[in-house]
């Protein structure tokens, strides 16, 4: 039985069509659920890897340098901007966040998808630089009351910071028309199904299947 399974795996690899990876962006106001959905996607899909941002903000309790973020100082961040080492960057709540260019480009060329947990500012910059590789999804909360409840429940921020995040939510949500897809996150499991459906459909787009022409020609040659 194990031998048969290995045979099927080799057969699937043989018939796999080469594909360029895509940049999959999840954005939302703080507390709407993008981080939870990102974690579910990373656990559920081995072909997705997280783009680990650089940031100037202090490390929070439980965060690991190199896994959650690359924590750097402001001079180093500014040097990366000047050298063109960032695909996008933005100021968020007094700190800077940015996406290193090199690992993202390497992943796309290898046919792997890169997940971005970034805001609308970063998404705009990615769209300007790599529109053909970008798929953007905006996550909305089901209500303002639920958004506030989620911010309080996660217990990461002080009351003042929660107030600041709530005040900024209206501006962040105003950018929803700029995204390819919009999901109202009423329940994380349902929202996750919708996120996976979007990713599956985008992977099958003709222009991303760079090996499709060769595959079709091989079929035609056997007819």
C-alpha atoms as a PDB file:
ATOM      1  CA  UNK A   1       0.000   0.000   0.000  1.00  0.00           C
ATOM      2  CA  UNK A   2       2.865   2.359   0.870  1.00  0.00           C
ATOM      3  CA  UNK A   3       4.514   1.482  -2.457  1.00  0.00           C
ATOM      4  CA  UNK A   4       1.311   2.368  -4.319  1.00  0.00           C
ATOM      5  CA  UNK A   5       1.125   5.709  -2.504  1.00  0.00           C
ATOM      6  CA  UNK A   6       4.722   6.503  -3.460  1.00  0.00           C
ATOM      7  CA  UNK A   7       3.937   5.569  -7.070  1.00  0.00           C
ATOM      8  CA  UNK A   8       0.945   7.943  -7.119  1.00  0.00           C
ATOM      9  CA  UNK A   9       3.086  10.728  -5.659  1.00  0.00           C
ATOM     10  CA  UNK A  10       5.767  10.261  -8.335  1.00  0.00           C
ATOM     11  CA  UNK A  11       3.074  10.162 -11.005  1.00  0.00           C
ATOM     12  CA  UNK A  12       1.550  13.403  -9.744  1.00  0.00           C
ATOM     13  CA  UNK A  13       4.941  15.083  -9.736  1.00  0.00           C
ATOM     14  CA  UNK A  14       5.558  13.889 -13.290  1.00  0.00           C
ATOM     15  CA  UNK A  15       2.320  15.474 -14.516  1.00  0.00           C
ATOM     16  CA  UNK A  16       2.584  18.649 -12.427  1.00  0.00           C
ATOM     17  CA  UNK A  17       2.472  21.834 -14.476  1.00  0.00           C
ATOM     18  CA  UNK A  18       5.144  24.399 -13.638  1.00  0.00           C
ATOM     19  CA  UNK A  19       3.667  27.472 -11.978  1.00  0.00           C
ATOM     20  CA  UNK A  20       4.977  30.852 -10.912  1.00  0.00           C
ATOM     21  CA  UNK A  21       4.208  31.636  -7.285  1.00  0.00           C
ATOM     22  CA  UNK A  22       1.967  34.495  -6.234  1.00  0.00           C
ATOM     23  CA  UNK A  23       1.978  37.148  -3.536  1.00  0.00           C
ATOM     24  CA  UNK A  24      -1.099  36.591  -1.376  1.00  0.00           C
ATOM     25  CA  UNK A  25      -1.998  39.620   0.740  1.00  0.00           C
ATOM     26  CA  UNK A  26      -4.357  39.591   3.699  1.00  0.00           C
ATOM     27  CA  UNK A  27      -5.194  43.036   5.119  1.00  0.00           C
ATOM     28  CA  UNK A  28      -7.682  44.213   7.711  1.00  0.00           C
ATOM     29  CA  UNK A  29      -8.157  46.661  10.558  1.00  0.00           C
ATOM     30  CA  UNK A  30      -6.427  45.465  13.724  1.00  0.00           C
ATOM     31  CA  UNK A  31      -8.582  42.806  15.333  1.00  0.00           C
ATOM     32  CA  UNK A  32     -10.567  41.787  12.235  1.00  0.00           C
ATOM     33  CA  UNK A  33      -8.772  38.458  11.979  1.00  0.00           C
ATOM     34  CA  UNK A  34      -6.046  38.614   9.330  1.00  0.00           C
ATOM     35  CA  UNK A  35      -3.352  37.247  11.645  1.00  0.00           C
ATOM     36  CA  UNK A  36      -5.512  34.304  12.750  1.00  0.00           C
ATOM     37  CA  UNK A  37      -6.388  33.478   9.147  1.00  0.00           C
ATOM     38  CA  UNK A  38      -2.727  33.778   8.156  1.00  0.00           C
ATOM     39  CA  UNK A  39      -1.716  31.239  10.794  1.00  0.00           C
ATOM     40  CA  UNK A  40      -4.424  28.813   9.690  1.00  0.00           C
ATOM     41  CA  UNK A  41      -3.289  29.100   6.073  1.00  0.00           C
ATOM     42  CA  UNK A  42       0.365  28.518   6.934  1.00  0.00           C
ATOM     43  CA  UNK A  43      -0.542  25.416   8.937  1.00  0.00           C
ATOM     44  CA  UNK A  44      -2.893  24.086   6.266  1.00  0.00           C
ATOM     45  CA  UNK A  45      -0.900  24.656   3.076  1.00  0.00           C
ATOM     46  CA  UNK A  46       2.727  23.604   2.726  1.00  0.00           C
ATOM     47  CA  UNK A  47       3.196  25.565  -0.470  1.00  0.00           C
ATOM     48  CA  UNK A  48       2.620  28.877   1.304  1.00  0.00           C
ATOM     49  CA  UNK A  49       5.376  30.637   3.191  1.00  0.00           C
ATOM     50  CA  UNK A  50       5.167  33.783   5.271  1.00  0.00           C
ATOM     51  CA  UNK A  51       6.932  36.936   4.242  1.00  0.00           C
ATOM     52  CA  UNK A  52       8.747  37.921   7.420  1.00  0.00           C
ATOM     53  CA  UNK A  53       8.785  41.700   7.645  1.00  0.00           C
ATOM     54  CA  UNK A  54      11.447  43.916   9.146  1.00  0.00           C
ATOM     55  CA  UNK A  55      10.219  46.342  11.774  1.00  0.00           C
ATOM     56  CA  UNK A  56      11.517  49.039  14.081  1.00  0.00           C
ATOM     57  CA  UNK A  57       8.939  48.370  16.793  1.00  0.00           C
ATOM     58  CA  UNK A  58       9.893  46.585  20.038  1.00  0.00           C
ATOM     59  CA  UNK A  59       9.387  42.850  20.287  1.00  0.00           C
ATOM     60  CA  UNK A  60       6.164  41.788  22.030  1.00  0.00           C
ATOM     61  CA  UNK A  61       5.892  39.019  24.583  1.00  0.00           C
ATOM     62  CA  UNK A  62       6.138  35.639  22.901  1.00  0.00           C
ATOM     63  CA  UNK A  63       7.496  36.930  19.593  1.00  0.00           C
ATOM     64  CA  UNK A  64      10.669  35.435  18.113  1.00  0.00           C
ATOM     65  CA  UNK A  65      13.137  37.404  16.016  1.00  0.00           C
ATOM     66  CA  UNK A  66      13.289  35.933  12.513  1.00  0.00           C
ATOM     67  CA  UNK A  67      10.004  34.079  12.886  1.00  0.00           C
ATOM     68  CA  UNK A  68       7.452  36.805  13.597  1.00  0.00           C
ATOM     69  CA  UNK A  69       9.542  39.779  12.438  1.00  0.00           C
ATOM     70  CA  UNK A  70      13.119  40.793  11.889  1.00  0.00           C
ATOM     71  CA  UNK A  71      13.538  43.433  14.598  1.00  0.00           C
ATOM     72  CA  UNK A  72      15.984  46.122  13.511  1.00  0.00           C
ATOM     73  CA  UNK A  73      16.771  49.712  14.452  1.00  0.00           C
ATOM     74  CA  UNK A  74      15.758  52.811  12.492  1.00  0.00           C
ATOM     75  CA  UNK A  75      19.164  53.470  10.851  1.00  0.00           C
ATOM     76  CA  UNK A  76      19.279  49.912   9.478  1.00  0.00           C
ATOM     77  CA  UNK A  77      15.707  50.255   8.190  1.00  0.00           C
ATOM     78  CA  UNK A  78      16.517  53.537   6.454  1.00  0.00           C
ATOM     79  CA  UNK A  79      19.596  51.946   4.885  1.00  0.00           C
ATOM     80  CA  UNK A  80      17.454  49.130   3.456  1.00  0.00           C
ATOM     81  CA  UNK A  81      15.098  51.688   1.883  1.00  0.00           C
ATOM     82  CA  UNK A  82      18.000  53.569   0.312  1.00  0.00           C
ATOM     83  CA  UNK A  83      19.531  50.360  -1.074  1.00  0.00           C
ATOM     84  CA  UNK A  84      16.245  49.237  -2.647  1.00  0.00           C
ATOM     85  CA  UNK A  85      16.111  46.138  -0.470  1.00  0.00           C
ATOM     86  CA  UNK A  86      12.419  46.508   0.405  1.00  0.00           C
ATOM     87  CA  UNK A  87       9.445  45.702  -1.821  1.00  0.00           C
ATOM     88  CA  UNK A  88       7.245  47.914   0.341  1.00  0.00           C
ATOM     89  CA  UNK A  89       7.350  49.760   3.628  1.00  0.00           C
ATOM     90  CA  UNK A  90       5.057  51.876   5.780  1.00  0.00           C
ATOM     91  CA  UNK A  91       4.767  53.795   9.042  1.00  0.00           C
ATOM     92  CA  UNK A  92       2.169  52.162  11.307  1.00  0.00           C
ATOM     93  CA  UNK A  93       1.383  53.484  14.783  1.00  0.00           C
ATOM     94  CA  UNK A  94       4.762  55.207  15.036  1.00  0.00           C
ATOM     95  CA  UNK A  95       6.894  52.295  13.850  1.00  0.00           C
ATOM     96  CA  UNK A  96       8.159  51.214  10.436  1.00  0.00           C
ATOM     97  CA  UNK A  97       7.423  47.892   8.741  1.00  0.00           C
ATOM     98  CA  UNK A  98       8.826  46.613   5.459  1.00  0.00           C
ATOM     99  CA  UNK A  99       9.123  43.550   3.196  1.00  0.00           C
ATOM    100  CA  UNK A 100      12.606  42.310   2.210  1.00  0.00           C
ATOM    101  CA  UNK A 101      12.747  41.878  -1.567  1.00  0.00           C
ATOM    102  CA  UNK A 102      15.184  38.996  -2.075  1.00  0.00           C
ATOM    103  CA  UNK A 103      13.399  36.078  -0.318  1.00  0.00           C
ATOM    104  CA  UNK A 104      10.067  36.962  -1.942  1.00  0.00           C
ATOM    105  CA  UNK A 105      11.440  36.983  -5.490  1.00  0.00           C
ATOM    106  CA  UNK A 106      13.273  33.686  -4.878  1.00  0.00           C
ATOM    107  CA  UNK A 107      10.071  32.023  -3.639  1.00  0.00           C
ATOM    108  CA  UNK A 108       7.984  33.208  -6.604  1.00  0.00           C
ATOM    109  CA  UNK A 109      10.526  31.901  -9.094  1.00  0.00           C
ATOM    110  CA  UNK A 110      10.505  28.528  -7.309  1.00  0.00           C
ATOM    111  CA  UNK A 111       6.714  28.294  -7.675  1.00  0.00           C
ATOM    112  CA  UNK A 112       5.963  28.942  -4.030  1.00  0.00           C
ATOM    113  CA  UNK A 113       3.322  31.355  -2.775  1.00  0.00           C
ATOM    114  CA  UNK A 114       4.218  34.099  -0.318  1.00  0.00           C
ATOM    115  CA  UNK A 115       1.729  35.274   2.298  1.00  0.00           C
ATOM    116  CA  UNK A 116       1.720  38.934   3.374  1.00  0.00           C
ATOM    117  CA  UNK A 117       0.097  40.212   6.559  1.00  0.00           C
ATOM    118  CA  UNK A 118       0.326  43.929   5.689  1.00  0.00           C
ATOM    119  CA  UNK A 119      -1.828  47.057   5.600  1.00  0.00           C
ATOM    120  CA  UNK A 120      -3.274  49.013   2.681  1.00  0.00           C
ATOM    121  CA  UNK A 121      -0.176  51.186   2.310  1.00  0.00           C
ATOM    122  CA  UNK A 122       2.071  48.191   1.728  1.00  0.00           C
ATOM    123  CA  UNK A 123      -0.485  46.616  -0.593  1.00  0.00           C
ATOM    124  CA  UNK A 124      -0.541  49.730  -2.770  1.00  0.00           C
ATOM    125  CA  UNK A 125       3.237  49.613  -3.121  1.00  0.00           C
ATOM    126  CA  UNK A 126       3.201  45.921  -4.049  1.00  0.00           C
ATOM    127  CA  UNK A 127       0.520  46.618  -6.642  1.00  0.00           C
ATOM    128  CA  UNK A 128       2.686  49.308  -8.227  1.00  0.00           C
ATOM    129  CA  UNK A 129       5.738  47.046  -8.390  1.00  0.00           C
ATOM    130  CA  UNK A 130       4.341  43.584  -9.114  1.00  0.00           C
ATOM    131  CA  UNK A 131       0.653  43.713 -10.064  1.00  0.00           C
ATOM    132  CA  UNK A 132       0.698  40.480 -12.070  1.00  0.00           C
ATOM    133  CA  UNK A 133       1.981  38.502  -9.060  1.00  0.00           C
ATOM    134  CA  UNK A 134      -0.393  40.059  -6.531  1.00  0.00           C
ATOM    135  CA  UNK A 135      -3.662  38.718  -5.091  1.00  0.00           C
ATOM    136  CA  UNK A 136      -5.131  40.943  -2.384  1.00  0.00           C
ATOM    137  CA  UNK A 137      -7.861  40.123   0.137  1.00  0.00           C
ATOM    138  CA  UNK A 138      -9.394  42.558   2.618  1.00  0.00           C
ATOM    139  CA  UNK A 139     -10.897  41.155   5.829  1.00  0.00           C
ATOM    140  CA  UNK A 140     -13.800  43.048   7.416  1.00  0.00           C
ATOM    141  CA  UNK A 141     -15.237  42.505  10.906  1.00  0.00           C
ATOM    142  CA  UNK A 142     -18.954  41.647  11.153  1.00  0.00           C
ATOM    143  CA  UNK A 143     -19.575  44.673  13.395  1.00  0.00           C
ATOM    144  CA  UNK A 144     -17.810  47.459  15.282  1.00  0.00           C
ATOM    145  CA  UNK A 145     -18.762  45.873  18.595  1.00  0.00           C
ATOM    146  CA  UNK A 146     -17.180  42.572  17.575  1.00  0.00           C
ATOM    147  CA  UNK A 147     -14.034  44.345  16.391  1.00  0.00           C
ATOM    148  CA  UNK A 148     -13.631  46.013  19.783  1.00  0.00           C
ATOM    149  CA  UNK A 149     -14.311  42.741  21.594  1.00  0.00           C
ATOM    150  CA  UNK A 150     -11.593  40.944  19.624  1.00  0.00           C
ATOM    151  CA  UNK A 151      -9.065  43.681  20.347  1.00  0.00           C
ATOM    152  CA  UNK A 152      -9.774  43.447  24.060  1.00  0.00           C
ATOM    153  CA  UNK A 153      -9.808  39.641  24.108  1.00  0.00           C
ATOM    154  CA  UNK A 154      -6.358  39.230  22.590  1.00  0.00           C
ATOM    155  CA  UNK A 155      -4.917  41.286  25.495  1.00  0.00           C
ATOM    156  CA  UNK A 156      -1.878  42.535  23.601  1.00  0.00           C
ATOM    157  CA  UNK A 157      -2.443  46.268  23.901  1.00  0.00           C
ATOM    158  CA  UNK A 158      -3.258  48.872  26.525  1.00  0.00           C
ATOM    159  CA  UNK A 159      -6.646  50.586  26.663  1.00  0.00           C
ATOM    160  CA  UNK A 160      -5.183  53.700  25.011  1.00  0.00           C
ATOM    161  CA  UNK A 161      -3.714  51.697  22.117  1.00  0.00           C
ATOM    162  CA  UNK A 162      -7.013  49.840  21.624  1.00  0.00           C
ATOM    163  CA  UNK A 163      -8.726  53.215  21.402  1.00  0.00           C
ATOM    164  CA  UNK A 164      -6.206  54.356  18.801  1.00  0.00           C
ATOM    165  CA  UNK A 165      -6.718  51.205  16.748  1.00  0.00           C
ATOM    166  CA  UNK A 166     -10.502  51.607  16.863  1.00  0.00           C
ATOM    167  CA  UNK A 167     -10.214  55.249  15.792  1.00  0.00           C
ATOM    168  CA  UNK A 168      -8.030  54.267  12.824  1.00  0.00           C
ATOM    169  CA  UNK A 169     -10.252  51.369  11.743  1.00  0.00           C
ATOM    170  CA  UNK A 170     -12.625  53.594   9.733  1.00  0.00           C
ATOM    171  CA  UNK A 171      -9.743  54.936   7.627  1.00  0.00           C
ATOM    172  CA  UNK A 172      -8.329  51.452   7.087  1.00  0.00           C
ATOM    173  CA  UNK A 173     -11.717  50.067   6.044  1.00  0.00           C
ATOM    174  CA  UNK A 174     -12.161  52.882   3.514  1.00  0.00           C
ATOM    175  CA  UNK A 175      -9.550  51.156   1.321  1.00  0.00           C
ATOM    176  CA  UNK A 176     -11.573  47.975   0.773  1.00  0.00           C
ATOM    177  CA  UNK A 177     -12.402  48.853  -2.896  1.00  0.00           C
ATOM    178  CA  UNK A 178      -8.686  48.684  -3.732  1.00  0.00           C
ATOM    179  CA  UNK A 179      -8.576  44.930  -3.045  1.00  0.00           C
ATOM    180  CA  UNK A 180      -9.325  42.021  -5.382  1.00  0.00           C
ATOM    181  CA  UNK A 181     -11.508  40.231  -2.816  1.00  0.00           C
ATOM    182  CA  UNK A 182     -13.369  41.143   0.383  1.00  0.00           C
ATOM    183  CA  UNK A 183     -14.352  38.708   3.157  1.00  0.00           C
ATOM    184  CA  UNK A 184     -16.569  39.513   6.149  1.00  0.00           C
ATOM    185  CA  UNK A 185     -15.060  37.480   8.976  1.00  0.00           C
ATOM    186  CA  UNK A 186     -18.147  36.378  10.929  1.00  0.00           C
ATOM    187  CA  UNK A 187     -16.524  33.099  11.921  1.00  0.00           C
ATOM    188  CA  UNK A 188     -12.893  32.181  11.423  1.00  0.00           C
ATOM    189  CA  UNK A 189     -13.580  28.690  10.034  1.00  0.00           C
ATOM    190  CA  UNK A 190     -15.932  29.985   7.349  1.00  0.00           C
ATOM    191  CA  UNK A 191     -13.588  32.856   6.502  1.00  0.00           C
ATOM    192  CA  UNK A 192     -10.720  30.377   6.217  1.00  0.00           C
ATOM    193  CA  UNK A 193     -12.673  28.265   3.708  1.00  0.00           C
ATOM    194  CA  UNK A 194     -13.226  31.404   1.637  1.00  0.00           C
ATOM    195  CA  UNK A 195      -9.545  32.375   1.808  1.00  0.00           C
ATOM    196  CA  UNK A 196      -8.508  28.920   0.598  1.00  0.00           C
ATOM    197  CA  UNK A 197     -11.042  29.035  -2.228  1.00  0.00           C
ATOM    198  CA  UNK A 198      -9.577  32.327  -3.451  1.00  0.00           C
ATOM    199  CA  UNK A 199      -6.044  30.949  -3.336  1.00  0.00           C
ATOM    200  CA  UNK A 200      -7.030  27.762  -5.181  1.00  0.00           C
ATOM    201  CA  UNK A 201      -8.717  29.717  -7.981  1.00  0.00           C
ATOM    202  CA  UNK A 202      -5.830  32.158  -8.373  1.00  0.00           C
ATOM    203  CA  UNK A 203      -3.314  29.322  -8.651  1.00  0.00           C
ATOM    204  CA  UNK A 204      -5.250  27.951 -11.620  1.00  0.00           C
ATOM    205  CA  UNK A 205      -5.190  31.168 -13.639  1.00  0.00           C
ATOM    206  CA  UNK A 206      -3.783  30.494 -17.080  1.00  0.00           C
ATOM    207  CA  UNK A 207      -1.108  33.174 -16.914  1.00  0.00           C
ATOM    208  CA  UNK A 208       0.370  31.739 -13.698  1.00  0.00           C
ATOM    209  CA  UNK A 209       0.743  28.218 -15.099  1.00  0.00           C
ATOM    210  CA  UNK A 210       3.945  28.873 -16.977  1.00  0.00           C
ATOM    211  CA  UNK A 211       4.290  25.205 -17.948  1.00  0.00           C
ATOM    212  CA  UNK A 212       0.801  24.976 -19.434  1.00  0.00           C
ATOM    213  CA  UNK A 213       1.809  25.582 -23.063  1.00  0.00           C
ATOM    214  CA  UNK A 214       4.355  22.749 -22.995  1.00  0.00           C
ATOM    215  CA  UNK A 215       1.850  20.468 -21.309  1.00  0.00           C
ATOM    216  CA  UNK A 216      -0.837  21.125 -23.932  1.00  0.00           C
ATOM    217  CA  UNK A 217       1.652  20.611 -26.762  1.00  0.00           C
ATOM    218  CA  UNK A 218       2.663  17.262 -25.278  1.00  0.00           C
ATOM    219  CA  UNK A 219      -0.996  16.216 -25.211  1.00  0.00           C
ATOM    220  CA  UNK A 220      -1.503  17.318 -28.814  1.00  0.00           C
ATOM    221  CA  UNK A 221       1.592  15.442 -29.967  1.00  0.00           C
ATOM    222  CA  UNK A 222       0.113  12.187 -28.686  1.00  0.00           C
ATOM    223  CA  UNK A 223      -3.169  12.562 -30.540  1.00  0.00           C
END
